[in-house]
mmCIF file of all heavy atoms, coordinates in Angstrom:
data_MODEL
# 
_entry.id   MODEL 
# 
loop_
_atom_site.group_PDB 
_atom_site.id 
_atom_site.type_symbol 
_atom_site.label_atom_id 
_atom_site.label_alt_id 
_atom_site.label_comp_id 
_atom_site.label_asym_id 
_atom_site.label_entity_id 
_atom_site.label_seq_id 
_atom_site.pdbx_PDB_ins_code 
_atom_site.Cartn_x 
_atom_site.Cartn_y 
_atom_site.Cartn_z 
_atom_site.occupancy 
_atom_site.B_iso_or_equiv 
_atom_site.pdbx_formal_charge 
_atom_site.auth_seq_id 
_atom_site.auth_comp_id 
_atom_site.auth_asym_id 
_atom_site.auth_atom_id 
_atom_site.pdbx_PDB_model_num 
ATOM 1   N N   . ARG A 1 1  ? -35.517 93.800  218.618 1.00 0.00 ? 1  ARG A N   1 
ATOM 2   C CA  . ARG A 1 1  ? -35.695 95.170  219.065 1.00 0.00 ? 1  ARG A CA  1 
ATOM 3   C C   . ARG A 1 1  ? -37.042 95.706  218.604 1.00 0.00 ? 1  ARG A C   1 
ATOM 4   O O   . ARG A 1 1  ? -37.514 95.377  217.534 1.00 0.00 ? 1  ARG A O   1 
ATOM 5   C CB  . ARG A 1 1  ? -34.581 96.067  218.529 1.00 0.00 ? 1  ARG A CB  1 
ATOM 6   C CG  . ARG A 1 1  ? -33.209 95.694  219.054 1.00 0.00 ? 1  ARG A CG  1 
ATOM 7   C CD  . ARG A 1 1  ? -32.172 96.760  218.687 1.00 0.00 ? 1  ARG A CD  1 
ATOM 8   N NE  . ARG A 1 1  ? -32.179 97.034  217.259 1.00 0.00 ? 1  ARG A NE  1 
ATOM 9   C CZ  . ARG A 1 1  ? -32.612 98.171  216.726 1.00 0.00 ? 1  ARG A CZ  1 
ATOM 10  N NH1 . ARG A 1 1  ? -33.119 99.117  217.492 1.00 0.00 ? 1  ARG A NH1 1 
ATOM 11  N NH2 . ARG A 1 1  ? -32.569 98.371  215.425 1.00 0.00 ? 1  ARG A NH2 1 
ATOM 12  N N   . SER A 1 2  ? -37.605 96.581  219.417 1.00 0.00 ? 2  SER A N   1 
ATOM 13  C CA  . SER A 1 2  ? -38.822 97.294  219.045 1.00 0.00 ? 2  SER A CA  1 
ATOM 14  C C   . SER A 1 2  ? -38.453 98.721  218.695 1.00 0.00 ? 2  SER A C   1 
ATOM 15  O O   . SER A 1 2  ? -37.407 99.221  219.117 1.00 0.00 ? 2  SER A O   1 
ATOM 16  C CB  . SER A 1 2  ? -39.822 97.287  220.200 1.00 0.00 ? 2  SER A CB  1 
ATOM 17  O OG  . SER A 1 2  ? -40.238 95.966  220.483 1.00 0.00 ? 2  SER A OG  1 
ATOM 18  N N   . PRO A 1 3  ? -39.300 99.404  217.948 1.00 0.00 ? 3  PRO A N   1 
ATOM 19  C CA  . PRO A 1 3  ? -39.011 100.809 217.654 1.00 0.00 ? 3  PRO A CA  1 
ATOM 20  C C   . PRO A 1 3  ? -38.943 101.628 218.935 1.00 0.00 ? 3  PRO A C   1 
ATOM 21  O O   . PRO A 1 3  ? -39.686 101.387 219.883 1.00 0.00 ? 3  PRO A O   1 
ATOM 22  C CB  . PRO A 1 3  ? -40.201 101.238 216.792 1.00 0.00 ? 3  PRO A CB  1 
ATOM 23  C CG  . PRO A 1 3  ? -40.768 99.970  216.253 1.00 0.00 ? 3  PRO A CG  1 
ATOM 24  C CD  . PRO A 1 3  ? -40.532 98.937  217.297 1.00 0.00 ? 3  PRO A CD  1 
ATOM 25  N N   . ALA A 1 4  ? -38.056 102.605 218.959 1.00 0.00 ? 4  ALA A N   1 
ATOM 26  C CA  . ALA A 1 4  ? -37.966 103.505 220.102 1.00 0.00 ? 4  ALA A CA  1 
ATOM 27  C C   . ALA A 1 4  ? -39.163 104.444 220.121 1.00 0.00 ? 4  ALA A C   1 
ATOM 28  O O   . ALA A 1 4  ? -39.862 104.609 219.119 1.00 0.00 ? 4  ALA A O   1 
ATOM 29  C CB  . ALA A 1 4  ? -36.663 104.305 220.028 1.00 0.00 ? 4  ALA A CB  1 
ATOM 30  N N   . HIS A 1 5  ? -39.383 105.071 221.283 1.00 0.00 ? 5  HIS A N   1 
ATOM 31  C CA  . HIS A 1 5  ? -40.472 106.034 221.397 1.00 0.00 ? 5  HIS A CA  1 
ATOM 32  C C   . HIS A 1 5  ? -40.384 107.086 220.304 1.00 0.00 ? 5  HIS A C   1 
ATOM 33  O O   . HIS A 1 5  ? -41.394 107.460 219.688 1.00 0.00 ? 5  HIS A O   1 
ATOM 34  C CB  . HIS A 1 5  ? -40.407 106.712 222.764 1.00 0.00 ? 5  HIS A CB  1 
ATOM 35  C CG  . HIS A 1 5  ? -41.029 105.898 223.857 1.00 0.00 ? 5  HIS A CG  1 
ATOM 36  N ND1 . HIS A 1 5  ? -41.270 106.416 225.109 1.00 0.00 ? 5  HIS A ND1 1 
ATOM 37  C CD2 . HIS A 1 5  ? -41.472 104.613 223.895 1.00 0.00 ? 5  HIS A CD2 1 
ATOM 38  C CE1 . HIS A 1 5  ? -41.829 105.486 225.872 1.00 0.00 ? 5  HIS A CE1 1 
ATOM 39  N NE2 . HIS A 1 5  ? -41.951 104.379 225.152 1.00 0.00 ? 5  HIS A NE2 1 
ATOM 40  N N   . ALA A 1 6  ? -39.178 107.590 220.071 1.00 0.00 ? 6  ALA A N   1 
ATOM 41  C CA  . ALA A 1 6  ? -39.004 108.651 219.079 1.00 0.00 ? 6  ALA A CA  1 
ATOM 42  C C   . ALA A 1 6  ? -39.367 108.165 217.687 1.00 0.00 ? 6  ALA A C   1 
ATOM 43  O O   . ALA A 1 6  ? -39.937 108.909 216.882 1.00 0.00 ? 6  ALA A O   1 
ATOM 44  C CB  . ALA A 1 6  ? -37.564 109.162 219.101 1.00 0.00 ? 6  ALA A CB  1 
ATOM 45  N N   . ASP A 1 7  ? -39.040 106.885 217.395 1.00 0.00 ? 7  ASP A N   1 
ATOM 46  C CA  . ASP A 1 7  ? -39.385 106.329 216.079 1.00 0.00 ? 7  ASP A CA  1 
ATOM 47  C C   . ASP A 1 7  ? -40.898 106.284 215.896 1.00 0.00 ? 7  ASP A C   1 
ATOM 48  O O   . ASP A 1 7  ? -41.425 106.637 214.834 1.00 0.00 ? 7  ASP A O   1 
ATOM 49  C CB  . ASP A 1 7  ? -38.812 104.907 215.933 1.00 0.00 ? 7  ASP A CB  1 
ATOM 50  C CG  . ASP A 1 7  ? -37.294 104.891 215.961 1.00 0.00 ? 7  ASP A CG  1 
ATOM 51  O OD1 . ASP A 1 7  ? -36.690 105.768 215.326 1.00 0.00 ? 7  ASP A OD1 1 
ATOM 52  O OD2 . ASP A 1 7  ? -36.732 103.997 216.615 1.00 0.00 ? 7  ASP A OD2 1 
ATOM 53  N N   . VAL A 1 8  ? -41.601 105.821 216.929 1.00 0.00 ? 8  VAL A N   1 
ATOM 54  C CA  . VAL A 1 8  ? -43.056 105.712 216.841 1.00 0.00 ? 8  VAL A CA  1 
ATOM 55  C C   . VAL A 1 8  ? -43.695 107.098 216.779 1.00 0.00 ? 8  VAL A C   1 
ATOM 56  O O   . VAL A 1 8  ? -44.645 107.321 216.027 1.00 0.00 ? 8  VAL A O   1 
ATOM 57  C CB  . VAL A 1 8  ? -43.612 104.907 218.032 1.00 0.00 ? 8  VAL A CB  1 
ATOM 58  C CG1 . VAL A 1 8  ? -45.136 104.872 217.998 1.00 0.00 ? 8  VAL A CG1 1 
ATOM 59  C CG2 . VAL A 1 8  ? -43.051 103.487 218.010 1.00 0.00 ? 8  VAL A CG2 1 
ATOM 60  N N   . ALA A 1 9  ? -43.168 108.044 217.564 1.00 0.00 ? 9  ALA A N   1 
ATOM 61  C CA  . ALA A 1 9  ? -43.722 109.401 217.560 1.00 0.00 ? 9  ALA A CA  1 
ATOM 62  C C   . ALA A 1 9  ? -43.571 110.046 216.185 1.00 0.00 ? 9  ALA A C   1 
ATOM 63  O O   . ALA A 1 9  ? -44.489 110.713 215.692 1.00 0.00 ? 9  ALA A O   1 
ATOM 64  C CB  . ALA A 1 9  ? -43.026 110.247 218.624 1.00 0.00 ? 9  ALA A CB  1 
ATOM 65  N N   . ARG A 1 10 ? -42.411 109.816 215.560 1.00 0.00 ? 10 ARG A N   1 
ATOM 66  C CA  . ARG A 1 10 ? -42.214 110.371 214.208 1.00 0.00 ? 10 ARG A CA  1 
ATOM 67  C C   . ARG A 1 10 ? -43.167 109.722 213.217 1.00 0.00 ? 10 ARG A C   1 
ATOM 68  O O   . ARG A 1 10 ? -43.707 110.381 212.324 1.00 0.00 ? 10 ARG A O   1 
ATOM 69  C CB  . ARG A 1 10 ? -40.767 110.182 213.770 1.00 0.00 ? 10 ARG A CB  1 
ATOM 70  C CG  . ARG A 1 10 ? -39.797 111.199 214.345 1.00 0.00 ? 10 ARG A CG  1 
ATOM 71  C CD  . ARG A 1 10 ? -38.451 111.136 213.652 1.00 0.00 ? 10 ARG A CD  1 
ATOM 72  N NE  . ARG A 1 10 ? -37.764 109.885 213.915 1.00 0.00 ? 10 ARG A NE  1 
ATOM 73  C CZ  . ARG A 1 10 ? -36.929 109.694 214.920 1.00 0.00 ? 10 ARG A CZ  1 
ATOM 74  N NH1 . ARG A 1 10 ? -36.677 110.688 215.774 1.00 0.00 ? 10 ARG A NH1 1 
ATOM 75  N NH2 . ARG A 1 10 ? -36.329 108.527 215.094 1.00 0.00 ? 10 ARG A NH2 1 
ATOM 76  N N   . GLN A 1 11 ? -43.375 108.402 213.360 1.00 0.00 ? 11 GLN A N   1 
ATOM 77  C CA  . GLN A 1 11 ? -44.290 107.714 212.455 1.00 0.00 ? 11 GLN A CA  1 
ATOM 78  C C   . GLN A 1 11 ? -45.723 108.194 212.655 1.00 0.00 ? 11 GLN A C   1 
ATOM 79  O O   . GLN A 1 11 ? -46.476 108.359 211.692 1.00 0.00 ? 11 GLN A O   1 
ATOM 80  C CB  . GLN A 1 11 ? -44.207 106.202 212.663 1.00 0.00 ? 11 GLN A CB  1 
ATOM 81  C CG  . GLN A 1 11 ? -45.098 105.383 211.749 1.00 0.00 ? 11 GLN A CG  1 
ATOM 82  C CD  . GLN A 1 11 ? -44.722 105.544 210.289 1.00 0.00 ? 11 GLN A CD  1 
ATOM 83  O OE1 . GLN A 1 11 ? -43.578 105.827 209.965 1.00 0.00 ? 11 GLN A OE1 1 
ATOM 84  N NE2 . GLN A 1 11 ? -45.684 105.381 209.383 1.00 0.00 ? 11 GLN A NE2 1 
ATOM 85  N N   . LEU A 1 12 ? -46.111 108.425 213.899 1.00 0.00 ? 12 LEU A N   1 
ATOM 86  C CA  . LEU A 1 12 ? -47.450 108.948 214.178 1.00 0.00 ? 12 LEU A CA  1 
ATOM 87  C C   . LEU A 1 12 ? -47.637 110.296 213.488 1.00 0.00 ? 12 LEU A C   1 
ATOM 88  O O   . LEU A 1 12 ? -48.666 110.538 212.842 1.00 0.00 ? 12 LEU A O   1 
ATOM 89  C CB  . LEU A 1 12 ? -47.659 109.083 215.681 1.00 0.00 ? 12 LEU A CB  1 
ATOM 90  C CG  . LEU A 1 12 ? -48.976 109.733 216.125 1.00 0.00 ? 12 LEU A CG  1 
ATOM 91  C CD1 . LEU A 1 12 ? -50.163 108.895 215.688 1.00 0.00 ? 12 LEU A CD1 1 
ATOM 92  C CD2 . LEU A 1 12 ? -48.984 109.931 217.643 1.00 0.00 ? 12 LEU A CD2 1 
ATOM 93  N N   . ASP A 1 13 ? -46.643 111.169 213.604 1.00 0.00 ? 13 ASP A N   1 
ATOM 94  C CA  . ASP A 1 13 ? -46.735 112.481 212.939 1.00 0.00 ? 13 ASP A CA  1 
ATOM 95  C C   . ASP A 1 13 ? -46.821 112.315 211.425 1.00 0.00 ? 13 ASP A C   1 
ATOM 96  O O   . ASP A 1 13 ? -47.567 113.047 210.746 1.00 0.00 ? 13 ASP A O   1 
ATOM 97  C CB  . ASP A 1 13 ? -45.518 113.334 213.290 1.00 0.00 ? 13 ASP A CB  1 
ATOM 98  C CG  . ASP A 1 13 ? -45.521 113.793 214.746 1.00 0.00 ? 13 ASP A CG  1 
ATOM 99  O OD1 . ASP A 1 13 ? -46.602 113.769 215.365 1.00 0.00 ? 13 ASP A OD1 1 
ATOM 100 O OD2 . ASP A 1 13 ? -44.440 114.153 215.261 1.00 0.00 ? 13 ASP A OD2 1 
ATOM 101 N N   . ARG A 1 14 ? -46.079 111.361 210.890 1.00 0.00 ? 14 ARG A N   1 
ATOM 102 C CA  . ARG A 1 14 ? -46.083 111.127 209.440 1.00 0.00 ? 14 ARG A CA  1 
ATOM 103 C C   . ARG A 1 14 ? -47.463 110.684 208.969 1.00 0.00 ? 14 ARG A C   1 
ATOM 104 O O   . ARG A 1 14 ? -47.977 111.146 207.939 1.00 0.00 ? 14 ARG A O   1 
ATOM 105 C CB  . ARG A 1 14 ? -45.031 110.072 209.101 1.00 0.00 ? 14 ARG A CB  1 
ATOM 106 C CG  . ARG A 1 14 ? -44.799 109.857 207.607 1.00 0.00 ? 14 ARG A CG  1 
ATOM 107 C CD  . ARG A 1 14 ? -43.735 108.791 207.356 1.00 0.00 ? 14 ARG A CD  1 
ATOM 108 N NE  . ARG A 1 14 ? -42.425 109.225 207.822 1.00 0.00 ? 14 ARG A NE  1 
ATOM 109 C CZ  . ARG A 1 14 ? -41.745 108.662 208.815 1.00 0.00 ? 14 ARG A CZ  1 
ATOM 110 N NH1 . ARG A 1 14 ? -42.274 107.630 209.485 1.00 0.00 ? 14 ARG A NH1 1 
ATOM 111 N NH2 . ARG A 1 14 ? -40.565 109.095 209.159 1.00 0.00 ? 14 ARG A NH2 1 
ATOM 112 N N   . ILE A 1 15 ? -48.086 109.793 209.728 1.00 0.00 ? 15 ILE A N   1 
ATOM 113 C CA  . ILE A 1 15 ? -49.420 109.297 209.363 1.00 0.00 ? 15 ILE A CA  1 
ATOM 114 C C   . ILE A 1 15 ? -50.454 110.414 209.462 1.00 0.00 ? 15 ILE A C   1 
ATOM 115 O O   . ILE A 1 15 ? -51.270 110.611 208.557 1.00 0.00 ? 15 ILE A O   1 
ATOM 116 C CB  . ILE A 1 15 ? -49.810 108.111 210.268 1.00 0.00 ? 15 ILE A CB  1 
ATOM 117 C CG1 . ILE A 1 15 ? -48.907 106.904 209.996 1.00 0.00 ? 15 ILE A CG1 1 
ATOM 118 C CG2 . ILE A 1 15 ? -51.280 107.731 210.060 1.00 0.00 ? 15 ILE A CG2 1 
ATOM 119 C CD1 . ILE A 1 15 ? -49.119 105.757 210.974 1.00 0.00 ? 15 ILE A CD1 1 
ATOM 120 N N   . LEU A 1 16 ? -50.405 111.162 210.561 1.00 0.00 ? 16 LEU A N   1 
ATOM 121 C CA  . LEU A 1 16 ? -51.420 112.195 210.787 1.00 0.00 ? 16 LEU A CA  1 
ATOM 122 C C   . LEU A 1 16 ? -51.297 113.347 209.788 1.00 0.00 ? 16 LEU A C   1 
ATOM 123 O O   . LEU A 1 16 ? -52.266 114.084 209.577 1.00 0.00 ? 16 LEU A O   1 
ATOM 124 C CB  . LEU A 1 16 ? -51.319 112.732 212.216 1.00 0.00 ? 16 LEU A CB  1 
ATOM 125 C CG  . LEU A 1 16 ? -51.634 111.722 213.327 1.00 0.00 ? 16 LEU A CG  1 
ATOM 126 C CD1 . LEU A 1 16 ? -51.485 112.371 214.694 1.00 0.00 ? 16 LEU A CD1 1 
ATOM 127 C CD2 . LEU A 1 16 ? -53.027 111.149 213.161 1.00 0.00 ? 16 LEU A CD2 1 
ATOM 128 N N   . ALA A 1 17 ? -50.119 113.498 209.178 1.00 0.00 ? 17 ALA A N   1 
ATOM 129 C CA  . ALA A 1 17 ? -49.934 114.546 208.173 1.00 0.00 ? 17 ALA A CA  1 
ATOM 130 C C   . ALA A 1 17 ? -50.446 114.139 206.797 1.00 0.00 ? 17 ALA A C   1 
ATOM 131 O O   . ALA A 1 17 ? -50.543 114.973 205.906 1.00 0.00 ? 17 ALA A O   1 
ATOM 132 C CB  . ALA A 1 17 ? -48.455 114.929 208.073 1.00 0.00 ? 17 ALA A CB  1 
ATOM 133 N N   . HIS A 1 18 ? -50.789 112.850 206.646 1.00 0.00 ? 18 HIS A N   1 
ATOM 134 C CA  . HIS A 1 18 ? -51.251 112.364 205.345 1.00 0.00 ? 18 HIS A CA  1 
ATOM 135 C C   . HIS A 1 18 ? -52.693 112.816 205.098 1.00 0.00 ? 18 HIS A C   1 
ATOM 136 O O   . HIS A 1 18 ? -53.490 112.905 206.039 1.00 0.00 ? 18 HIS A O   1 
ATOM 137 C CB  . HIS A 1 18 ? -51.173 110.833 205.301 1.00 0.00 ? 18 HIS A CB  1 
ATOM 138 C CG  . HIS A 1 18 ? -51.358 110.264 203.934 1.00 0.00 ? 18 HIS A CG  1 
ATOM 139 N ND1 . HIS A 1 18 ? -52.596 109.975 203.411 1.00 0.00 ? 18 HIS A ND1 1 
ATOM 140 C CD2 . HIS A 1 18 ? -50.460 109.936 202.968 1.00 0.00 ? 18 HIS A CD2 1 
ATOM 141 C CE1 . HIS A 1 18 ? -52.448 109.482 202.200 1.00 0.00 ? 18 HIS A CE1 1 
ATOM 142 N NE2 . HIS A 1 18 ? -51.168 109.452 201.900 1.00 0.00 ? 18 HIS A NE2 1 
ATOM 143 N N   . PRO A 1 19 ? -53.048 113.108 203.838 1.00 0.00 ? 19 PRO A N   1 
ATOM 144 C CA  . PRO A 1 19 ? -54.423 113.548 203.538 1.00 0.00 ? 19 PRO A CA  1 
ATOM 145 C C   . PRO A 1 19 ? -55.502 112.591 204.023 1.00 0.00 ? 19 PRO A C   1 
ATOM 146 O O   . PRO A 1 19 ? -56.609 113.028 204.367 1.00 0.00 ? 19 PRO A O   1 
ATOM 147 C CB  . PRO A 1 19 ? -54.425 113.661 202.008 1.00 0.00 ? 19 PRO A CB  1 
ATOM 148 C CG  . PRO A 1 19 ? -53.005 113.959 201.652 1.00 0.00 ? 19 PRO A CG  1 
ATOM 149 C CD  . PRO A 1 19 ? -52.173 113.201 202.651 1.00 0.00 ? 19 PRO A CD  1 
ATOM 150 N N   . LEU A 1 20 ? -55.224 111.288 204.061 1.00 0.00 ? 20 LEU A N   1 
ATOM 151 C CA  . LEU A 1 20 ? -56.219 110.337 204.543 1.00 0.00 ? 20 LEU A CA  1 
ATOM 152 C C   . LEU A 1 20 ? -56.672 110.670 205.958 1.00 0.00 ? 20 LEU A C   1 
ATOM 153 O O   . LEU A 1 20 ? -57.845 110.489 206.308 1.00 0.00 ? 20 LEU A O   1 
ATOM 154 C CB  . LEU A 1 20 ? -55.638 108.914 204.515 1.00 0.00 ? 20 LEU A CB  1 
ATOM 155 C CG  . LEU A 1 20 ? -55.639 108.161 203.192 1.00 0.00 ? 20 LEU A CG  1 
ATOM 156 C CD1 . LEU A 1 20 ? -54.880 106.854 203.348 1.00 0.00 ? 20 LEU A CD1 1 
ATOM 157 C CD2 . LEU A 1 20 ? -57.052 107.900 202.692 1.00 0.00 ? 20 LEU A CD2 1 
ATOM 158 N N   . PHE A 1 21 ? -55.733 111.157 206.779 1.00 0.00 ? 21 PHE A N   1 
ATOM 159 C CA  . PHE A 1 21 ? -56.070 111.438 208.171 1.00 0.00 ? 21 PHE A CA  1 
ATOM 160 C C   . PHE A 1 21 ? -56.361 112.916 208.393 1.00 0.00 ? 21 PHE A C   1 
ATOM 161 O O   . PHE A 1 21 ? -57.111 113.266 209.310 1.00 0.00 ? 21 PHE A O   1 
ATOM 162 C CB  . PHE A 1 21 ? -54.939 110.961 209.086 1.00 0.00 ? 21 PHE A CB  1 
ATOM 163 C CG  . PHE A 1 21 ? -54.914 109.467 209.232 1.00 0.00 ? 21 PHE A CG  1 
ATOM 164 C CD1 . PHE A 1 21 ? -54.282 108.671 208.294 1.00 0.00 ? 21 PHE A CD1 1 
ATOM 165 C CD2 . PHE A 1 21 ? -55.571 108.850 210.283 1.00 0.00 ? 21 PHE A CD2 1 
ATOM 166 C CE1 . PHE A 1 21 ? -54.276 107.295 208.400 1.00 0.00 ? 21 PHE A CE1 1 
ATOM 167 C CE2 . PHE A 1 21 ? -55.576 107.465 210.408 1.00 0.00 ? 21 PHE A CE2 1 
ATOM 168 C CZ  . PHE A 1 21 ? -54.934 106.683 209.459 1.00 0.00 ? 21 PHE A CZ  1 
ATOM 169 N N   . GLN A 1 22 ? -55.783 113.779 207.582 1.00 0.00 ? 22 GLN A N   1 
ATOM 170 C CA  . GLN A 1 22 ? -56.111 115.196 207.713 1.00 0.00 ? 22 GLN A CA  1 
ATOM 171 C C   . GLN A 1 22 ? -57.586 115.451 207.435 1.00 0.00 ? 22 GLN A C   1 
ATOM 172 O O   . GLN A 1 22 ? -58.169 116.395 207.963 1.00 0.00 ? 22 GLN A O   1 
ATOM 173 C CB  . GLN A 1 22 ? -55.255 116.014 206.747 1.00 0.00 ? 22 GLN A CB  1 
ATOM 174 C CG  . GLN A 1 22 ? -53.809 116.164 207.199 1.00 0.00 ? 22 GLN A CG  1 
ATOM 175 C CD  . GLN A 1 22 ? -53.025 117.086 206.302 1.00 0.00 ? 22 GLN A CD  1 
ATOM 176 O OE1 . GLN A 1 22 ? -53.310 117.203 205.108 1.00 0.00 ? 22 GLN A OE1 1 
ATOM 177 N NE2 . GLN A 1 22 ? -52.032 117.755 206.859 1.00 0.00 ? 22 GLN A NE2 1 
ATOM 178 N N   . ALA A 1 23 ? -58.187 114.580 206.610 1.00 0.00 ? 23 ALA A N   1 
ATOM 179 C CA  . ALA A 1 23 ? -59.596 114.736 206.267 1.00 0.00 ? 23 ALA A CA  1 
ATOM 180 C C   . ALA A 1 23 ? -60.521 114.209 207.362 1.00 0.00 ? 23 ALA A C   1 
ATOM 181 O O   . ALA A 1 23 ? -61.734 114.358 207.259 1.00 0.00 ? 23 ALA A O   1 
ATOM 182 C CB  . ALA A 1 23 ? -59.902 114.025 204.950 1.00 0.00 ? 23 ALA A CB  1 
ATOM 183 N N   . SER A 1 24 ? -59.974 113.573 208.379 1.00 0.00 ? 24 SER A N   1 
ATOM 184 C CA  . SER A 1 24 ? -60.810 113.011 209.445 1.00 0.00 ? 24 SER A CA  1 
ATOM 185 C C   . SER A 1 24 ? -60.219 113.363 210.799 1.00 0.00 ? 24 SER A C   1 
ATOM 186 O O   . SER A 1 24 ? -59.272 112.736 211.260 1.00 0.00 ? 24 SER A O   1 
ATOM 187 C CB  . SER A 1 24 ? -60.925 111.493 209.296 1.00 0.00 ? 24 SER A CB  1 
ATOM 188 O OG  . SER A 1 24 ? -61.665 110.944 210.374 1.00 0.00 ? 24 SER A OG  1 
ATOM 189 N N   . HIS A 1 25 ? -60.764 114.386 211.434 1.00 0.00 ? 25 HIS A N   1 
ATOM 190 C CA  . HIS A 1 25 ? -60.256 114.818 212.730 1.00 0.00 ? 25 HIS A CA  1 
ATOM 191 C C   . HIS A 1 25 ? -60.504 113.761 213.800 1.00 0.00 ? 25 HIS A C   1 
ATOM 192 O O   . HIS A 1 25 ? -59.678 113.566 214.706 1.00 0.00 ? 25 HIS A O   1 
ATOM 193 C CB  . HIS A 1 25 ? -60.921 116.135 213.129 1.00 0.00 ? 25 HIS A CB  1 
ATOM 194 C CG  . HIS A 1 25 ? -60.702 117.238 212.142 1.00 0.00 ? 25 HIS A CG  1 
ATOM 195 N ND1 . HIS A 1 25 ? -59.447 117.685 211.797 1.00 0.00 ? 25 HIS A ND1 1 
ATOM 196 C CD2 . HIS A 1 25 ? -61.564 117.983 211.406 1.00 0.00 ? 25 HIS A CD2 1 
ATOM 197 C CE1 . HIS A 1 25 ? -59.546 118.662 210.917 1.00 0.00 ? 25 HIS A CE1 1 
ATOM 198 N NE2 . HIS A 1 25 ? -60.818 118.852 210.644 1.00 0.00 ? 25 HIS A NE2 1 
ATOM 199 N N   . ARG A 1 26 ? -61.613 113.074 213.719 1.00 0.00 ? 26 ARG A N   1 
ATOM 200 C CA  . ARG A 1 26 ? -61.956 112.092 214.767 1.00 0.00 ? 26 ARG A CA  1 
ATOM 201 C C   . ARG A 1 26 ? -61.058 110.875 214.712 1.00 0.00 ? 26 ARG A C   1 
ATOM 202 O O   . ARG A 1 26 ? -60.596 110.378 215.738 1.00 0.00 ? 26 ARG A O   1 
ATOM 203 C CB  . ARG A 1 26 ? -63.426 111.697 214.651 1.00 0.00 ? 26 ARG A CB  1 
ATOM 204 C CG  . ARG A 1 26 ? -64.363 112.835 215.060 1.00 0.00 ? 26 ARG A CG  1 
ATOM 205 C CD  . ARG A 1 26 ? -65.809 112.515 214.809 1.00 0.00 ? 26 ARG A CD  1 
ATOM 206 N NE  . ARG A 1 26 ? -66.035 112.290 213.388 1.00 0.00 ? 26 ARG A NE  1 
ATOM 207 C CZ  . ARG A 1 26 ? -66.453 111.136 212.889 1.00 0.00 ? 26 ARG A CZ  1 
ATOM 208 N NH1 . ARG A 1 26 ? -66.684 110.126 213.682 1.00 0.00 ? 26 ARG A NH1 1 
ATOM 209 N NH2 . ARG A 1 26 ? -66.651 110.999 211.601 1.00 0.00 ? 26 ARG A NH2 1 
# 
């Protein structure tokens, strides 16, 4: 099985909320 769309979308939000990515808009 692969992750569902909702699983990936939640993971994307989790990553983008991390300071590593909040510091880089691009």
